[in-house]
Every structure is written in structure tokens, then in C-alpha cells.
């Protein structure tokens, strides 16, 4: 499989997955609007956010092993199919009037389980399809698919929701799934040859299952960096779980909500374009850590914001930061981790980085509904009113400010550790294997 064909395969996957993400984000946002309109509470949305994280944390060992053991193309196609079936069931429940909130919790868990298998396979496929000289650019473009979907999905949802409601948006989502699945089945992704590191972690099922963690355990700075990421993600997921109700409370309009969210996605797109063209620093850690610090600072500004313009600008900058972080981190990991182990190691990294994230929405939702929002306007709120205001949404704003400050301080402390600053010099790059592919193993049905 020549280099040009590999790149065409990569960009075909990229485009069809981006198209599918637009539909999925439209469905997610439409359901979020519907739930908040029906309940007036943050807790149901926070519960869904927690459920969405669980499969990636609980199943990381298994999903990484599957990505390294089986045909990655079929894994991604089956994962998309599973997610599409969940959307179809949800559509039927809404259309027949049988929908209850607990249905959403169950289907969200099943759908995210499918996505958990897709993630490691997708990330590990990049190494097999994109040469090292173009990987920074490819990772930047790949990171852009979510923000590009986020740019169009909120605006489309805000405009279309009133016309077709939740069910119409789900039908659009199913069409985008069909395009992505069809394209995946028509493509080919080479499988990696086995490296010495992979052979050392092969054998019994348990040995292969834990291979990602055993690799990480060799390099303690990677563990330390992922623990830092775990706290950052804890804060970011908490904010994400109440983003829709917070912005609705601050703006008072679904249409304005969509425009503000589109501005945040535009920030991610601009960030991705910049890092793709620039390539970041060498060592890459000097791009990662300052971006993490800025990430926390802009999150705090989002909590202070009270007008659509301030919120849009703050979210624009906030969402640009992860592009610098993720592109640099993924490129660094792809250079260090042997290709035949990348599924397991990427899954292990995800598991550590998201280990405590599912707890965050379960804490944030009740805190917003029962403590911070009810306190707004009371005498006890007086010290905070100048910072975040004295109207609906101010309680959630204060939670966001606290999270941003914690994130910033922790990122600064981590960056000051010499082991973190010098980690790239101390962790060797993998030695490429000349054999490009090995016979494919069919996915068991």
C-alpha cells in the first residue's frame, strides 16, 4: 500500500467521521436543550456526562487489546454501527412517546461503549497511514474534526430544533452514521508488524491486556503527566456537563447559545490550524504545559463572563488551548510508542487521564442545583456578586471560576518538575520495523 493511497485512506476516514460527528453533536445538543427545558435542572445532564465517561475508563484495557489484535477498520465500522443503533432506538422511543430519562442513561452507556472501542483503533491507525514527516499536520487536522462539527452542529441545531424537534435531528444523525460506516467498509488499514516491545508483552491474554500499563510503568514522567491530565479533565468534564444550562442561563436564548458554542468551536479550529502550520516547539512539552496553564486561565474567565460577547471570546480562547495540547501530546506518543502497542498504550493513557472524570459531573450537578444556584442573591452571596454577578447562572459561574483557578495552579506546579520538562529526552523513540504489514486477523462476530 503506497504512501499516497495511505494518505487518501486517512483523509477519507477523517472526512466521513467529521460528517458523522456533526450529526452526533446535533443529537446531543438537541437532547440537552430538551432535558433542560423539561426539568430546569443541571443534574440530568451531569449524569449523562458521567455515564459518557465510564466506558472509556472501565474498558480501556479491553479496547486497547482489541485495537492491537484485530482489524482496526472493522473495529471502527462496528463501533459506528453500535452507536447508530442506539440513536435509532432513542428515535423510536421519542416518536412513540415512550421515552423516559432513564432510557437515555442506558443508551448513552451503550453508545459510549461503542465509541470506547473506536478511539484506540482510530488513534493507532494514524501511525500506519501517515508518515512521520506529516504526522503533526495530520494530528492537527484530526483534532479539528470535533471542533468543525462543533462549529456547524450548534448553529444548525439552534435553527432546526424548533422546526423538526429532537426526532428530526436524530434522523439526520442516522444518515451521517450511514455515510461513515459505508466509507469505512470500503477502505483498508494496514496492520503493524510486531516489534520487540510488543513481543515482550505478548503471550497470555492477561499479559497482553495489561501491556499498555506495563509500558507506561517504565516511564514514570508519563504517569505523572497523565495524573496532571486526570485533574485537568476532572475540571473540564465538570464544566462540560453544565455548559448548556450555564450558557442558556447567561444568554437566555437557544439561538444565542448555538452562536456562542459555534464561537468556541471556531477557536478550536483556529488553534488547530495554527498548531498544524507551526508544528509546536521541540521539545513538545514546552507547547503542552503552557497551553494547559492558559486553558485554566480562560476557563476562569468563562465563569466570570456575563454577556454573549465575553463568553464567546473566552470560549474561543479556551477551546484553542486543547488543540495545542492534544496535537503535541499525540505526536509525541506516536513517536515514542511502538505501533503494535499503540492501541493498548493509548487506551491506558486514556484510562489514567479520565480515571476520576466520571465523578466530576456527579459532584458538579448537585452542587449547582442545590448549593450554588440557590445561594445566588442571598446575603451569603454578597462577596461573590462582584465577580460572577447576582443573576441566574452566577452559581454555576463561581464553580467554573474555582475550577479554572485549580487547573491553572496544578498545571504550573507540574511544569516546574524537572522530570516533566526533560521527559522527551529521557524516553527513547521506537525503532521502526521495516516490514509494513502482517496478515489481517478477522474480527470475531
Foldseek 3Di string as FASTA:
>chain_A
DDQVQLQVLLVLLLVLVLLLLLLVLLLVVLVVVVVCVVPVFLQLLLLLLLLLLPLLQPCLLVLLLCLLAAFLLVLQLVLLVQLLVLLVVVLVCVVVVNDDSVSSSVSSNRNSNSVSNNVLNSLLLLLLRHDLVQLLLSLLSSLLSNLVSQLPNLQCSQVCCVPCNSNVSSVSSSVSSVSSSVSSVVDHGFRADADPLNVVQDDDPVSSSCSLVVVVVVQVLLLVVLLLLQLLLQLVSLCVSCVQVLVCFLEVGSNLSSVLSSLLSVLLNVLSVVCSVVVDDVVLLVQQLVLLLQLLVLLLQCLQDRYSVSNSVSSSSNNSSVSSNRSNVSSLCSQQDPSSSSSSNVSVSSNSSNVCNSVNSVVSRCCQVPPQQVCQPPPVCVVCCVRRHRGGSNSVSVSSNVSSVVSNVSSVVSVPDPCNVCVSVVRDTDDGDPDSHDDGDHDDD
